[in-house]
Amino acid sequence: MSTPSGPPSGPLRGRRLRLTRLAIVGLLLLPVVEIVVIVAVGNAIGGWPTFLVLVGTSLLGAWLIRREGGRAWRALEQAVRSGRMPAREIADGIVVLVGGALLLLPGFVTDVVGLVLVLPFVRPVARNLLAAVISRRLVAQAGRFGGPTVTGTPGQAPRSRADEVVEGEIIDED
């Protein structure tokens, strides 16, 4: 187990190292895959049409970022104005930003992934995946750095100290 002041050790460190290696390999392979796909499309439809499709998808990406990003921003503002936590809107904004950035990159593979992320009806799936990744990391961090102590008896739902009620009073100085 790791200590709060030191680097992670054991299985957590090995998993991070594997994920880092996987990310590096993916980043190195992506341009190769993109070039292979561009050449294949170029052989199928010709050089100029391939170039025009690539430019068109970049323009589409810029337009979609502007349109869907604007919608996500307005939803975020509305959530803040209504006084509720804008978690869904923030996640939508992240997904739109990543999808639009992928559309702006030259290549067909990144265009397909970017288009899928930007489409409004696919966004809830991406949002749920993002939430799962973030919550998993937060739970791991809380456990690593001494998060709330969980208590309870077998057969009952765990209870943390964060659930305790502290009485107080609010003084409004208006």
Protein backbone atom coordinates (compact mmCIF):
# COMPACT_ATOMS: atom_id res chain seq x y z
CA MET A 1 0.00 0.00 0.00
CA SER A 2 1.27 3.49 -0.64
CA THR A 3 1.77 6.24 1.83
CA PRO A 4 0.23 9.68 1.35
CA SER A 5 3.61 11.30 0.94
CA GLY A 6 5.22 8.66 -1.28
CA PRO A 7 4.55 7.30 -4.74
CA PRO A 8 2.07 4.46 -5.20
CA SER A 9 3.44 0.97 -4.81
CA GLY A 10 2.26 -2.55 -5.48
CA PRO A 11 -0.62 -3.28 -7.85
CA LEU A 12 -1.65 0.37 -8.20
CA ARG A 13 1.78 1.35 -9.49
CA GLY A 14 1.87 -1.59 -11.91
CA ARG A 15 -1.56 -0.71 -13.26
CA ARG A 16 -0.60 2.93 -13.80
CA LEU A 17 2.60 1.87 -15.53
CA ARG A 18 0.63 -0.41 -17.87
CA LEU A 19 -1.89 2.34 -18.62
CA THR A 20 0.92 4.81 -19.31
CA ARG A 21 2.63 2.36 -21.66
CA LEU A 22 -0.66 1.64 -23.38
CA ALA A 23 -1.29 5.37 -23.86
CA ILE A 24 2.21 5.90 -25.28
CA VAL A 25 1.83 2.99 -27.69
CA GLY A 26 -1.60 4.30 -28.72
CA LEU A 27 -0.25 7.80 -29.35
CA LEU A 28 2.58 6.38 -31.44
CA LEU A 29 0.30 4.07 -33.43
CA LEU A 30 -2.46 6.61 -34.09
CA PRO A 31 -0.55 8.59 -36.76
CA VAL A 32 0.47 5.35 -38.48
CA VAL A 33 -3.13 4.11 -38.52
CA GLU A 34 -4.35 7.52 -39.75
CA ILE A 35 -1.83 7.52 -42.61
CA VAL A 36 -2.78 3.98 -43.63
CA VAL A 37 -6.48 4.90 -43.65
CA ILE A 38 -5.86 8.17 -45.55
CA VAL A 39 -3.82 6.31 -48.19
CA ALA A 40 -6.52 3.62 -48.49
CA VAL A 41 -9.25 6.25 -48.89
CA GLY A 42 -7.03 8.15 -51.35
CA ASN A 43 -6.60 5.01 -53.44
CA ALA A 44 -10.35 4.39 -53.38
CA ILE A 45 -11.63 7.90 -54.21
CA GLY A 46 -8.56 9.82 -55.36
CA GLY A 47 -6.19 12.34 -53.79
CA TRP A 48 -8.16 15.57 -54.18
CA PRO A 49 -11.47 14.15 -52.99
CA THR A 50 -9.66 12.70 -49.94
CA PHE A 51 -8.09 16.09 -49.22
CA LEU A 52 -11.47 17.82 -49.58
CA VAL A 53 -13.14 15.31 -47.24
CA LEU A 54 -10.41 15.89 -44.63
CA VAL A 55 -10.80 19.67 -44.89
CA GLY A 56 -14.59 19.30 -44.79
CA THR A 57 -14.51 17.23 -41.61
CA SER A 58 -12.23 19.80 -39.98
CA LEU A 59 -14.67 22.57 -40.91
CA LEU A 60 -17.54 20.42 -39.65
CA GLY A 61 -15.63 19.94 -36.39
CA ALA A 62 -15.14 23.68 -35.96
CA TRP A 63 -18.83 24.31 -36.62
CA LEU A 64 -19.94 21.53 -34.25
CA ILE A 65 -17.63 22.75 -31.48
CA ARG A 66 -19.15 26.18 -31.84
CA ARG A 67 -22.75 24.96 -31.97
CA GLU A 68 -22.69 22.13 -29.41
CA GLY A 69 -20.16 23.92 -27.21
CA GLY A 70 -22.50 26.92 -27.13
CA ARG A 71 -25.40 24.69 -26.13
CA ALA A 72 -23.33 23.05 -23.40
CA TRP A 73 -22.24 26.48 -22.13
CA ARG A 74 -25.82 27.78 -22.02
CA ALA A 75 -26.94 24.65 -20.14
CA LEU A 76 -24.08 25.16 -17.68
CA GLU A 77 -25.07 28.79 -17.11
CA GLN A 78 -28.71 27.79 -16.61
CA ALA A 79 -27.77 25.12 -14.07
CA VAL A 80 -25.64 27.59 -12.11
CA ARG A 81 -28.39 30.23 -12.20
CA SER A 82 -30.93 27.69 -10.92
CA GLY A 83 -28.63 26.83 -8.03
CA ARG A 84 -28.00 23.18 -8.82
CA MET A 85 -24.68 21.41 -9.27
CA PRO A 86 -23.81 21.48 -13.00
CA ALA A 87 -22.02 18.09 -13.09
CA ARG A 88 -23.90 16.85 -16.15
CA GLU A 89 -23.30 20.08 -18.03
CA ILE A 90 -19.59 20.10 -17.19
CA ALA A 91 -19.27 16.51 -18.40
CA ASP A 92 -21.12 17.40 -21.61
CA GLY A 93 -18.76 20.32 -22.15
CA ILE A 94 -15.71 18.09 -21.72
CA VAL A 95 -17.09 15.48 -24.11
CA VAL A 96 -17.94 18.13 -26.74
CA LEU A 97 -14.50 19.72 -26.39
CA VAL A 98 -12.69 16.41 -26.82
CA GLY A 99 -14.92 15.37 -29.72
CA GLY A 100 -14.50 18.69 -31.49
CA ALA A 101 -10.74 18.63 -31.02
CA LEU A 102 -10.63 15.15 -32.54
CA LEU A 103 -12.66 16.40 -35.51
CA LEU A 104 -10.20 19.22 -36.05
CA LEU A 105 -7.26 16.80 -36.24
CA PRO A 106 -6.51 15.55 -39.75
CA GLY A 107 -7.47 11.91 -40.18
CA PHE A 108 -10.49 9.69 -40.59
CA VAL A 109 -10.14 7.61 -37.41
CA THR A 110 -10.07 10.69 -35.16
CA ASP A 111 -12.92 12.19 -37.20
CA VAL A 112 -15.15 9.18 -36.58
CA VAL A 113 -14.41 9.13 -32.83
CA GLY A 114 -14.83 12.91 -32.61
CA LEU A 115 -18.14 12.85 -34.48
CA VAL A 116 -19.46 10.11 -32.21
CA LEU A 117 -18.52 12.14 -29.12
CA VAL A 118 -20.12 15.34 -30.39
CA LEU A 119 -23.47 13.82 -31.38
CA PRO A 120 -26.09 14.75 -28.76
CA PHE A 121 -27.68 11.29 -28.59
CA VAL A 122 -24.32 9.57 -27.92
CA ARG A 123 -23.18 12.07 -25.30
CA PRO A 124 -25.00 10.44 -22.35
CA VAL A 125 -23.01 7.23 -22.86
CA ALA A 126 -19.73 9.18 -23.01
CA ARG A 127 -20.81 11.20 -19.97
CA ASN A 128 -21.48 8.03 -17.98
CA LEU A 129 -18.09 6.59 -18.95
CA LEU A 130 -16.40 9.85 -17.94
CA ALA A 131 -18.26 9.87 -14.62
CA ALA A 132 -17.25 6.26 -13.95
CA VAL A 133 -13.58 7.00 -14.63
CA ILE A 134 -13.60 10.14 -12.47
CA SER A 135 -15.44 8.49 -9.58
CA ARG A 136 -13.10 5.48 -9.68
CA ARG A 137 -10.10 7.79 -9.50
CA LEU A 138 -11.65 9.85 -6.69
CA VAL A 139 -12.42 6.73 -4.66
CA ALA A 140 -8.85 5.49 -5.18
CA GLN A 141 -7.45 8.88 -4.15
CA ALA A 142 -9.70 9.07 -1.06
CA GLY A 143 -8.55 5.64 0.05
CA ARG A 144 -4.93 6.49 -0.63
CA PHE A 145 -4.96 9.78 1.24
CA GLY A 146 -7.14 8.78 4.18
CA GLY A 147 -10.61 9.73 3.03
CA PRO A 148 -13.66 9.54 5.29
CA THR A 149 -13.65 6.57 7.61
CA VAL A 150 -16.38 4.10 6.73
CA THR A 151 -18.16 2.38 9.57
CA GLY A 152 -21.07 0.02 9.83
CA THR A 153 -22.09 -3.46 10.74
CA PRO A 154 -22.29 -6.43 8.39
CA GLY A 155 -25.57 -6.47 6.53
CA GLN A 156 -26.06 -2.70 6.79
CA ALA A 157 -25.06 -0.01 4.36
CA PRO A 158 -21.69 1.55 5.23
CA ARG A 159 -21.81 4.92 6.91
CA SER A 160 -19.07 7.52 6.82
CA ARG A 161 -18.29 10.32 9.20
CA ALA A 162 -19.32 12.68 6.41
CA ASP A 163 -22.94 11.60 7.05
CA GLU A 164 -22.93 12.98 10.60
CA VAL A 165 -25.17 15.97 11.26
CA VAL A 166 -23.63 19.04 12.83
CA GLU A 167 -26.12 21.54 14.19
CA GLY A 168 -25.58 25.23 13.58
CA GLU A 169 -27.31 28.40 12.51
CA ILE A 170 -26.99 30.60 9.47
CA ILE A 171 -26.74 34.32 10.02
CA ASP A 172 -27.73 36.41 7.02
CA GLU A 173 -26.35 39.95 7.22
CA ASP A 174 -28.47 41.59 4.53
